[in-house]
């Protein structure tokens, strides 16, 4: 089972280090300079790595693997990340509502 990473650990993994720069150069070449989220050409200056499996759920090996990243515009990457965060918040809220409903029903039946 993969452990969840802390926000600080995730931020350290995202920093622009020489290894990150080399990986971005590799995936830029591999993906032909095309953003894999919107399908449009991406300049090297506007390029970022988008993790296929969420970074916070990755092992260190998965986080570093070229197989788990695609080329994305920085803006596309930010929008996708925001959408994923919103989906998580909605799911958490739904779970709380389900639990509350179940407690109310159990109390009513008691």
Foldseek 3Di string as FASTA:
>chain_A
DFAFDDPVVLVVLQDDDPLQLVLQVVQCVVVVQAAPQPRHHHDSVQKHWAFQPDPRRDDPCSSSDSVGTHIHGPVSNVVVVVVVVVVVVVVVVVVVVVVVVVVVVVVVVD
